[in-house]
C-alpha atoms as a PDB file:
ATOM      1  CA  MET A   1       0.000   0.000   0.000  1.00  0.00           C
ATOM      2  CA  SER A   2       1.179   3.523  -0.769  1.00  0.00           C
ATOM      3  CA  VAL A   3       0.197   6.758   0.911  1.00  0.00           C
ATOM      4  CA  GLU A   4       0.399  10.277  -0.458  1.00  0.00           C
ATOM      5  CA  THR A   5       1.363  13.569   1.079  1.00  0.00           C
ATOM      6  CA  ASN A   6       2.596  16.983   0.068  1.00  0.00           C
ATOM      7  CA  LEU A   7       6.241  18.008   0.182  1.00  0.00           C
ATOM      8  CA  SER A   8       5.312  20.752   2.628  1.00  0.00           C
ATOM      9  CA  ASP A   9       4.023  18.093   5.073  1.00  0.00           C
ATOM     10  CA  LEU A  10       7.373  16.304   4.919  1.00  0.00           C
ATOM     11  CA  LEU A  11       9.256  19.548   5.470  1.00  0.00           C
ATOM     12  CA  ASN A  12       6.999  20.900   8.240  1.00  0.00           C
ATOM     13  CA  LYS A  13       6.211  17.629  10.061  1.00  0.00           C
ATOM     14  CA  PRO A  14       8.975  15.177   9.140  1.00  0.00           C
ATOM     15  CA  LYS A  15       8.467  12.758  12.075  1.00  0.00           C
ATOM     16  CA  VAL A  16       4.724  12.473  11.526  1.00  0.00           C
ATOM     17  CA  THR A  17       5.163  12.060   7.782  1.00  0.00           C
ATOM     18  CA  LEU A  18       7.924   9.456   8.071  1.00  0.00           C
ATOM     19  CA  ALA A  19       5.897   7.537  10.667  1.00  0.00           C
ATOM     20  CA  ARG A  20       3.379   6.849   7.883  1.00  0.00           C
ATOM     21  CA  LEU A  21       5.972   4.498   6.317  1.00  0.00           C
ATOM     22  CA  THR A  22       5.212   2.018   9.114  1.00  0.00           C
ATOM     23  CA  GLY A  23       1.937   1.018   7.501  1.00  0.00           C
ATOM     24  CA  ALA A  24       2.907   1.577   3.870  1.00  0.00           C
ATOM     25  CA  ARG A  25       5.561   0.420   1.416  1.00  0.00           C
ATOM     26  CA  ARG A  26       6.162   3.934   0.182  1.00  0.00           C
ATOM     27  CA  ILE A  27       5.033   7.525   0.427  1.00  0.00           C
ATOM     28  CA  ARG A  28       4.308   9.490  -2.711  1.00  0.00           C
ATOM     29  CA  ILE A  29       5.353  13.078  -2.127  1.00  0.00           C
ATOM     30  CA  ARG A  30       3.455  15.512  -4.337  1.00  0.00           C
ATOM     31  CA  ARG A  31       5.280  18.654  -5.405  1.00  0.00           C
ATOM     32  CA  ARG A  32       3.719  21.730  -6.977  1.00  0.00           C
ATOM     33  CA  ASP A  33       6.733  22.697  -9.062  1.00  0.00           C
ATOM     34  CA  GLY A  34       8.233  19.374 -10.025  1.00  0.00           C
ATOM     35  CA  GLU A  35       7.816  15.689 -10.546  1.00  0.00           C
ATOM     36  CA  ASP A  36       6.436  13.759  -7.572  1.00  0.00           C
ATOM     37  CA  LEU A  37       8.919  11.857  -5.415  1.00  0.00           C
ATOM     38  CA  VAL A  38       8.638   8.444  -3.787  1.00  0.00           C
ATOM     39  CA  LEU A  39      10.036   7.776  -0.330  1.00  0.00           C
ATOM     40  CA  THR A  40      10.630   4.242   0.903  1.00  0.00           C
ATOM     41  CA  THR A  41      12.982   2.431   3.247  1.00  0.00           C
ATOM     42  CA  ALA A  42      16.302   1.052   2.057  1.00  0.00           C
ATOM     43  CA  ALA A  43      15.172  -2.478   2.961  1.00  0.00           C
ATOM     44  CA  ARG A  44      12.053  -2.167   0.808  1.00  0.00           C
ATOM     45  CA  ALA A  45      14.045  -0.707  -2.088  1.00  0.00           C
ATOM     46  CA  GLU A  46      16.435  -3.670  -1.826  1.00  0.00           C
ATOM     47  CA  GLN A  47      13.467  -6.066  -1.852  1.00  0.00           C
ATOM     48  CA  ASP A  48      12.146  -4.422  -5.028  1.00  0.00           C
ATOM     49  CA  SER A  49      15.578  -4.719  -6.629  1.00  0.00           C
ATOM     50  CA  THR A  50      15.837  -8.389  -5.642  1.00  0.00           C
ATOM     51  CA  VAL A  51      12.399  -9.175  -7.063  1.00  0.00           C
ATOM     52  CA  LEU A  52      13.290  -7.406 -10.319  1.00  0.00           C
ATOM     53  CA  GLY A  53      16.527  -9.383 -10.580  1.00  0.00           C
ATOM     54  CA  VAL A  54      14.901 -12.740  -9.881  1.00  0.00           C
ATOM     55  CA  THR A  55      12.069 -12.029 -12.316  1.00  0.00           C
ATOM     56  CA  GLY A  56      14.478 -11.003 -15.058  1.00  0.00           C
ATOM     57  CA  ARG A  57      16.658 -14.096 -14.582  1.00  0.00           C
ATOM     58  CA  MET A  58      13.579 -16.342 -14.511  1.00  0.00           C
ATOM     59  CA  PHE A  59      12.368 -15.005 -17.863  1.00  0.00           C
ATOM     60  CA  VAL A  60      15.854 -15.325 -19.361  1.00  0.00           C
ATOM     61  CA  GLU A  61      15.924 -18.980 -18.312  1.00  0.00           C
ATOM     62  CA  MET A  62      12.397 -19.568 -19.633  1.00  0.00           C
ATOM     63  CA  MET A  63      13.484 -18.324 -23.065  1.00  0.00           C
ATOM     64  CA  ARG A  64      16.151 -21.050 -23.218  1.00  0.00           C
ATOM     65  CA  THR A  65      13.545 -23.768 -23.864  1.00  0.00           C
ATOM     66  CA  PRO A  66      10.860 -24.040 -26.546  1.00  0.00           C
ATOM     67  CA  GLU A  67       8.203 -24.581 -23.866  1.00  0.00           C
ATOM     68  CA  GLY A  68       9.309 -21.471 -21.994  1.00  0.00           C
ATOM     69  CA  ARG A  69       9.323 -19.365 -25.155  1.00  0.00           C
ATOM     70  CA  THR A  70       5.790 -20.562 -25.879  1.00  0.00           C
ATOM     71  CA  LEU A  71       4.678 -19.586 -22.363  1.00  0.00           C
ATOM     72  CA  VAL A  72       6.164 -16.111 -22.732  1.00  0.00           C
ATOM     73  CA  LEU A  73       4.558 -15.638 -26.163  1.00  0.00           C
ATOM     74  CA  ASP A  74       1.202 -16.870 -24.830  1.00  0.00           C
ATOM     75  CA  ALA A  75       1.347 -14.399 -21.913  1.00  0.00           C
ATOM     76  CA  LEU A  76       2.171 -11.321 -24.014  1.00  0.00           C
ATOM     77  CA  PRO A  77      -1.367 -10.536 -25.309  1.00  0.00           C
ATOM     78  CA  ALA A  78      -2.788 -10.617 -21.784  1.00  0.00           C
ATOM     79  CA  THR A  79       0.025  -8.432 -20.477  1.00  0.00           C
ATOM     80  CA  PHE A  80       0.339  -6.122 -23.482  1.00  0.00           C
ATOM     81  CA  PRO A  81      -2.987  -6.174 -25.383  1.00  0.00           C
ATOM     82  CA  TRP A  82      -1.521  -4.000 -28.169  1.00  0.00           C
ATOM     83  CA  VAL A  83       0.762  -6.864 -29.360  1.00  0.00           C
ATOM     84  CA  ARG A  84      -2.280  -8.164 -31.253  1.00  0.00           C
ATOM     85  CA  TYR A  85      -1.530  -5.496 -33.874  1.00  0.00           C
ATOM     86  CA  LEU A  86       2.067  -6.638 -34.402  1.00  0.00           C
ATOM     87  CA  PRO A  87       2.999  -9.216 -37.032  1.00  0.00           C
ATOM     88  CA  ALA A  88       3.946 -12.605 -35.529  1.00  0.00           C
ATOM     89  CA  ARG A  89       7.669 -12.083 -36.225  1.00  0.00           C
ATOM     90  CA  ASP A  90       7.560  -8.760 -34.358  1.00  0.00           C
ATOM     91  CA  VAL A  91       5.790 -10.340 -31.375  1.00  0.00           C
ATOM     92  CA  ARG A  92       8.626 -12.878 -31.177  1.00  0.00           C
ATOM     93  CA  GLU A  93      11.209 -10.100 -31.519  1.00  0.00           C
ATOM     94  CA  PHE A  94       9.472  -8.065 -28.807  1.00  0.00           C
ATOM     95  CA  SER A  95       9.505 -11.065 -26.455  1.00  0.00           C
ATOM     96  CA  VAL A  96      13.249 -11.571 -26.980  1.00  0.00           C
ATOM     97  CA  ASP A  97      13.955  -7.842 -26.565  1.00  0.00           C
ATOM     98  CA  LEU A  98      11.781  -7.620 -23.456  1.00  0.00           C
ATOM     99  CA  VAL A  99      13.322 -10.607 -21.722  1.00  0.00           C
ATOM    100  CA  GLY A 100      16.820  -9.392 -22.577  1.00  0.00           C
ATOM    101  CA  ALA A 101      16.058  -5.936 -21.205  1.00  0.00           C
ATOM    102  CA  LEU A 102      14.534  -7.410 -18.038  1.00  0.00           C
ATOM    103  CA  GLY A 103      17.656  -9.485 -17.467  1.00  0.00           C
ATOM    104  CA  ALA A 104      19.978  -6.538 -18.050  1.00  0.00           C
ATOM    105  CA  SER A 105      17.918  -4.129 -15.942  1.00  0.00           C
ATOM    106  CA  ALA A 106      18.709  -6.086 -12.808  1.00  0.00           C
ATOM    107  CA  ASP A 107      22.437  -5.705 -13.436  1.00  0.00           C
ATOM    108  CA  LEU A 108      21.993  -1.988 -14.051  1.00  0.00           C
ATOM    109  CA  ASP A 109      19.547  -1.582 -11.154  1.00  0.00           C
ATOM    110  CA  SER A 110      17.412   0.494 -13.504  1.00  0.00           C
ATOM    111  CA  THR A 111      14.104  -0.172 -15.211  1.00  0.00           C
ATOM    112  CA  ALA A 112      14.438   2.801 -17.582  1.00  0.00           C
ATOM    113  CA  ALA A 113      15.551   0.674 -20.536  1.00  0.00           C
ATOM    114  CA  VAL A 114      12.641  -1.739 -20.045  1.00  0.00           C
ATOM    115  CA  ALA A 115      10.137   1.117 -19.885  1.00  0.00           C
ATOM    116  CA  GLN A 116      11.646   2.686 -23.026  1.00  0.00           C
ATOM    117  CA  LEU A 117      11.538  -0.645 -24.882  1.00  0.00           C
ATOM    118  CA  ILE A 118       7.870  -1.163 -24.017  1.00  0.00           C
ATOM    119  CA  THR A 119       7.051   2.385 -25.124  1.00  0.00           C
ATOM    120  CA  GLU A 120       8.844   1.895 -28.452  1.00  0.00           C
ATOM    121  CA  TRP A 121       7.103  -1.400 -29.200  1.00  0.00           C
ATOM    122  CA  ARG A 122       3.718   0.069 -28.201  1.00  0.00           C
ATOM    123  CA  HIS A 123       4.297   2.881 -30.694  1.00  0.00           C
ATOM    124  CA  THR A 124       5.202   0.309 -33.336  1.00  0.00           C
ATOM    125  CA  ALA A 125       1.903  -1.469 -32.653  1.00  0.00           C
ATOM    126  CA  GLU A 126       0.079   1.859 -32.986  1.00  0.00           C
ATOM    127  CA  VAL A 127       1.522   2.243 -36.484  1.00  0.00           C
ATOM    128  CA  TYR A 128       0.382  -1.257 -37.484  1.00  0.00           C
ATOM    129  CA  ALA A 129      -3.074  -0.601 -35.993  1.00  0.00           C
ATOM    130  CA  ASP A 130      -3.560   2.548 -38.089  1.00  0.00           C
ATOM    131  CA  ARG A 131      -3.574   1.522 -41.766  1.00  0.00           C
ATOM    132  CA  GLU A 132      -3.415   5.130 -42.954  1.00  0.00           C
ATOM    133  CA  LEU A 133      -0.413   5.887 -40.790  1.00  0.00           C
ATOM    134  CA  TYR A 134       1.253   2.596 -41.754  1.00  0.00           C
ATOM    135  CA  THR A 135       0.836   3.386 -45.439  1.00  0.00           C
ATOM    136  CA  ALA A 136       2.154   6.913 -45.018  1.00  0.00           C
ATOM    137  CA  LEU A 137       5.248   5.682 -43.183  1.00  0.00           C
ATOM    138  CA  THR A 138       6.019   2.758 -45.471  1.00  0.00           C
ATOM    139  CA  THR A 139       5.321   4.255 -48.882  1.00  0.00           C
ATOM    140  CA  ASP A 140       8.344   5.745 -50.629  1.00  0.00           C
ATOM    141  CA  SER A 141       6.986   8.256 -53.075  1.00  0.00           C
ATOM    142  CA  ASP A 142       9.343  10.392 -55.198  1.00  0.00           C
ATOM    143  CA  ALA A 143       6.636  13.051 -55.260  1.00  0.00           C
ATOM    144  CA  GLU A 144       6.940  13.360 -51.484  1.00  0.00           C
ATOM    145  CA  ARG A 145      10.726  13.654 -51.505  1.00  0.00           C
ATOM    146  CA  ARG A 146      12.237  17.086 -51.409  1.00  0.00           C
ATOM    147  CA  THR A 147      15.664  18.620 -51.039  1.00  0.00           C
ATOM    148  CA  VAL A 148      16.494  20.583 -47.925  1.00  0.00           C
ATOM    149  CA  TRP A 149      19.501  22.854 -47.597  1.00  0.00           C
ATOM    150  CA  ILE A 150      21.454  22.387 -44.399  1.00  0.00           C
ATOM    151  CA  ASP A 151      24.085  24.935 -43.424  1.00  0.00           C
ATOM    152  CA  GLN A 152      27.153  23.241 -42.014  1.00  0.00           C
ATOM    153  CA  PRO A 153      28.681  25.215 -39.127  1.00  0.00           C
ATOM    154  CA  SER A 154      32.263  24.269 -40.016  1.00  0.00           C
ATOM    155  CA  THR A 155      32.066  25.168 -43.684  1.00  0.00           C
ATOM    156  CA  SER A 156      30.548  27.898 -45.806  1.00  0.00           C
ATOM    157  CA  HIS A 157      29.226  25.385 -48.341  1.00  0.00           C
ATOM    158  CA  PRO A 158      25.658  24.212 -47.831  1.00  0.00           C
ATOM    159  CA  LYS A 159      24.924  20.487 -47.958  1.00  0.00           C
ATOM    160  CA  THR A 160      21.776  18.925 -49.414  1.00  0.00           C
ATOM    161  CA  THR A 161      19.961  15.893 -48.136  1.00  0.00           C
ATOM    162  CA  ASP A 162      16.844  14.044 -49.205  1.00  0.00           C
ATOM    163  CA  LEU A 163      14.052  13.696 -46.653  1.00  0.00           C
END
């Protein structure tokens, strides 16, 4: 369970605010002028890190067998409903990428790469789900190509490139 409080409560009544950690895993600290913060104990943060590491290693090991790969592939649509829009080869590629990122995230003690990977694959699924967008992004039309002049800072000669 998480509880929420304002940053001013933490600053003005630190003992009372920190005492709320006794009955909660973390405290979400809302700030008016910045991103919210999360306060937890070192022991709980270590537990979260351990769980992430074990989960990542478990999925890596599952991918070593055909049965495990099948289980991972079968679980993806329930976990990420948008994979239904991806071609089968991309679903397999996503599963390999995801499991690899989960395994590596434990070593880095950071989930940022996993979150970024999921975001990128979700955007890929959005393209496949929108036929008009898919066509626009995959059609190479000479009529749509144009030349753009780019001034190079180190030289007085402009360079052209096709977009």
